[in-house]
Amino acid sequence: MQQEVPQYGVEDTSFRAAGGQDGIFRLVDEFYLQMDTLEEARTIRAMHPEDISGSADKLARFYVAGWADRSYIVRNMAQFIFPRPISPLI
């Protein structure tokens, strides 16, 4: 029996291939580790705050929100709501 080959970019295939939410957070952590250590990334790294944790969290959530299946986002909505009060429109 032949196994079906996943089509990346269709539904949440890329999200699952990256290891789901945990995999994406690991990918982003590795990205910023490389930015901290590679000479060729020095200029870009200098544009970021010394504590990169906020930037890393935002980037990881951006990828999760873009790659995950919509039902995953709905089930985990609390993690993706920006923790800032919403001001009323007047």
C-alpha atoms as a PDB file:
ATOM      1  CA  MET A   1       0.000   0.000   0.000  1.00  0.00           C
ATOM      2  CA  GLN A   2       1.457   3.344  -1.034  1.00  0.00           C
ATOM      3  CA  GLN A   3       1.470   6.201   1.497  1.00  0.00           C
ATOM      4  CA  GLU A   4      -0.052   9.489   0.372  1.00  0.00           C
ATOM      5  CA  VAL A   5       2.509  12.281  -0.045  1.00  0.00           C
ATOM      6  CA  PRO A   6       1.459  15.436   1.857  1.00  0.00           C
ATOM      7  CA  GLN A   7       1.014  18.588  -0.203  1.00  0.00           C
ATOM      8  CA  TYR A   8       2.769  21.366   1.662  1.00  0.00           C
ATOM      9  CA  GLY A   9       0.828  24.600   1.874  1.00  0.00           C
ATOM     10  CA  VAL A  10      -2.507  22.772   1.768  1.00  0.00           C
ATOM     11  CA  GLU A  11      -4.556  23.135   4.956  1.00  0.00           C
ATOM     12  CA  ASP A  12      -2.250  22.592   7.957  1.00  0.00           C
ATOM     13  CA  THR A  13       0.290  20.259   6.325  1.00  0.00           C
ATOM     14  CA  SER A  14       3.172  22.726   6.741  1.00  0.00           C
ATOM     15  CA  PHE A  15       2.175  23.345  10.369  1.00  0.00           C
ATOM     16  CA  ARG A  16       2.227  19.625  11.135  1.00  0.00           C
ATOM     17  CA  ALA A  17       5.480  19.089   9.191  1.00  0.00           C
ATOM     18  CA  ALA A  18       7.122  21.816  11.309  1.00  0.00           C
ATOM     19  CA  GLY A  19       6.165  19.921  14.470  1.00  0.00           C
ATOM     20  CA  GLY A  20       3.003  21.811  15.346  1.00  0.00           C
ATOM     21  CA  GLN A  21       3.077  24.684  17.784  1.00  0.00           C
ATOM     22  CA  ASP A  22       6.036  23.264  19.734  1.00  0.00           C
ATOM     23  CA  GLY A  23       8.032  22.770  16.546  1.00  0.00           C
ATOM     24  CA  ILE A  24       7.380  26.317  15.389  1.00  0.00           C
ATOM     25  CA  PHE A  25       8.484  27.750  18.733  1.00  0.00           C
ATOM     26  CA  ARG A  26      11.679  25.633  18.499  1.00  0.00           C
ATOM     27  CA  LEU A  27      12.237  26.867  14.922  1.00  0.00           C
ATOM     28  CA  VAL A  28      11.920  30.493  16.039  1.00  0.00           C
ATOM     29  CA  ASP A  29      14.237  29.891  19.024  1.00  0.00           C
ATOM     30  CA  GLU A  30      16.838  28.455  16.637  1.00  0.00           C
ATOM     31  CA  PHE A  31      16.386  31.411  14.278  1.00  0.00           C
ATOM     32  CA  TYR A  32      17.159  33.894  17.060  1.00  0.00           C
ATOM     33  CA  LEU A  33      20.043  31.761  18.328  1.00  0.00           C
ATOM     34  CA  GLN A  34      21.542  31.945  14.844  1.00  0.00           C
ATOM     35  CA  MET A  35      20.912  35.690  14.745  1.00  0.00           C
ATOM     36  CA  ASP A  36      22.818  36.012  18.027  1.00  0.00           C
ATOM     37  CA  THR A  37      25.801  33.981  16.817  1.00  0.00           C
ATOM     38  CA  LEU A  38      26.263  34.559  13.081  1.00  0.00           C
ATOM     39  CA  GLU A  39      28.534  37.416  12.058  1.00  0.00           C
ATOM     40  CA  GLU A  40      26.450  38.061   8.940  1.00  0.00           C
ATOM     41  CA  ALA A  41      23.347  38.632  11.121  1.00  0.00           C
ATOM     42  CA  ARG A  42      24.981  41.268  13.334  1.00  0.00           C
ATOM     43  CA  THR A  43      23.328  44.271  11.620  1.00  0.00           C
ATOM     44  CA  ILE A  44      19.833  42.773  11.779  1.00  0.00           C
ATOM     45  CA  ARG A  45      20.355  41.646  15.394  1.00  0.00           C
ATOM     46  CA  ALA A  46      21.344  45.189  16.358  1.00  0.00           C
ATOM     47  CA  MET A  47      17.875  46.342  15.237  1.00  0.00           C
ATOM     48  CA  HIS A  48      16.264  44.199  17.957  1.00  0.00           C
ATOM     49  CA  PRO A  49      16.147  44.791  21.708  1.00  0.00           C
ATOM     50  CA  GLU A  50      18.761  43.031  23.813  1.00  0.00           C
ATOM     51  CA  ASP A  51      16.051  40.802  25.320  1.00  0.00           C
ATOM     52  CA  ILE A  52      14.711  39.055  22.236  1.00  0.00           C
ATOM     53  CA  SER A  53      12.001  37.038  24.047  1.00  0.00           C
ATOM     54  CA  GLY A  54       9.142  39.377  23.089  1.00  0.00           C
ATOM     55  CA  SER A  55      10.163  39.390  19.429  1.00  0.00           C
ATOM     56  CA  ALA A  56      10.550  35.608  19.407  1.00  0.00           C
ATOM     57  CA  ASP A  57       7.130  35.089  20.958  1.00  0.00           C
ATOM     58  CA  LYS A  58       5.444  37.407  18.432  1.00  0.00           C
ATOM     59  CA  LEU A  59       7.169  35.729  15.483  1.00  0.00           C
ATOM     60  CA  ALA A  60       6.260  32.232  16.677  1.00  0.00           C
ATOM     61  CA  ARG A  61       2.618  33.192  17.225  1.00  0.00           C
ATOM     62  CA  PHE A  62       2.532  34.835  13.787  1.00  0.00           C
ATOM     63  CA  TYR A  63       3.727  31.582  12.181  1.00  0.00           C
ATOM     64  CA  VAL A  64       1.338  29.436  14.211  1.00  0.00           C
ATOM     65  CA  ALA A  65      -1.573  31.678  13.275  1.00  0.00           C
ATOM     66  CA  GLY A  66      -0.601  31.547   9.603  1.00  0.00           C
ATOM     67  CA  TRP A  67       0.198  27.841   9.274  1.00  0.00           C
ATOM     68  CA  ALA A  68      -2.219  26.155  11.660  1.00  0.00           C
ATOM     69  CA  ASP A  69      -5.618  24.917  10.665  1.00  0.00           C
ATOM     70  CA  ARG A  70      -8.308  27.446  11.604  1.00  0.00           C
ATOM     71  CA  SER A  71      -9.906  24.953  14.018  1.00  0.00           C
ATOM     72  CA  TYR A  72      -6.580  24.786  15.905  1.00  0.00           C
ATOM     73  CA  ILE A  73      -6.575  28.573  16.271  1.00  0.00           C
ATOM     74  CA  VAL A  74     -10.177  28.575  17.508  1.00  0.00           C
ATOM     75  CA  ARG A  75      -9.443  25.826  20.070  1.00  0.00           C
ATOM     76  CA  ASN A  76      -6.376  27.741  21.314  1.00  0.00           C
ATOM     77  CA  MET A  77      -7.722  31.285  20.867  1.00  0.00           C
ATOM     78  CA  ALA A  78      -6.684  32.502  24.321  1.00  0.00           C
ATOM     79  CA  GLN A  79      -3.016  32.087  23.361  1.00  0.00           C
ATOM     80  CA  PHE A  80      -3.387  34.295  20.296  1.00  0.00           C
ATOM     81  CA  ILE A  81      -5.322  37.223  21.735  1.00  0.00           C
ATOM     82  CA  PHE A  82      -3.134  40.270  22.149  1.00  0.00           C
ATOM     83  CA  PRO A  83      -2.961  40.906  25.916  1.00  0.00           C
ATOM     84  CA  ARG A  84      -3.765  44.588  25.672  1.00  0.00           C
ATOM     85  CA  PRO A  85      -7.159  46.092  26.534  1.00  0.00           C
ATOM     86  CA  ILE A  86      -9.231  47.057  23.544  1.00  0.00           C
ATOM     87  CA  SER A  87     -10.286  50.701  23.646  1.00  0.00           C
ATOM     88  CA  PRO A  88     -13.856  51.443  22.604  1.00  0.00           C
ATOM     89  CA  LEU A  89     -14.454  53.108  19.269  1.00  0.00           C
ATOM     90  CA  ILE A  90     -15.968  56.514  19.889  1.00  0.00           C
END
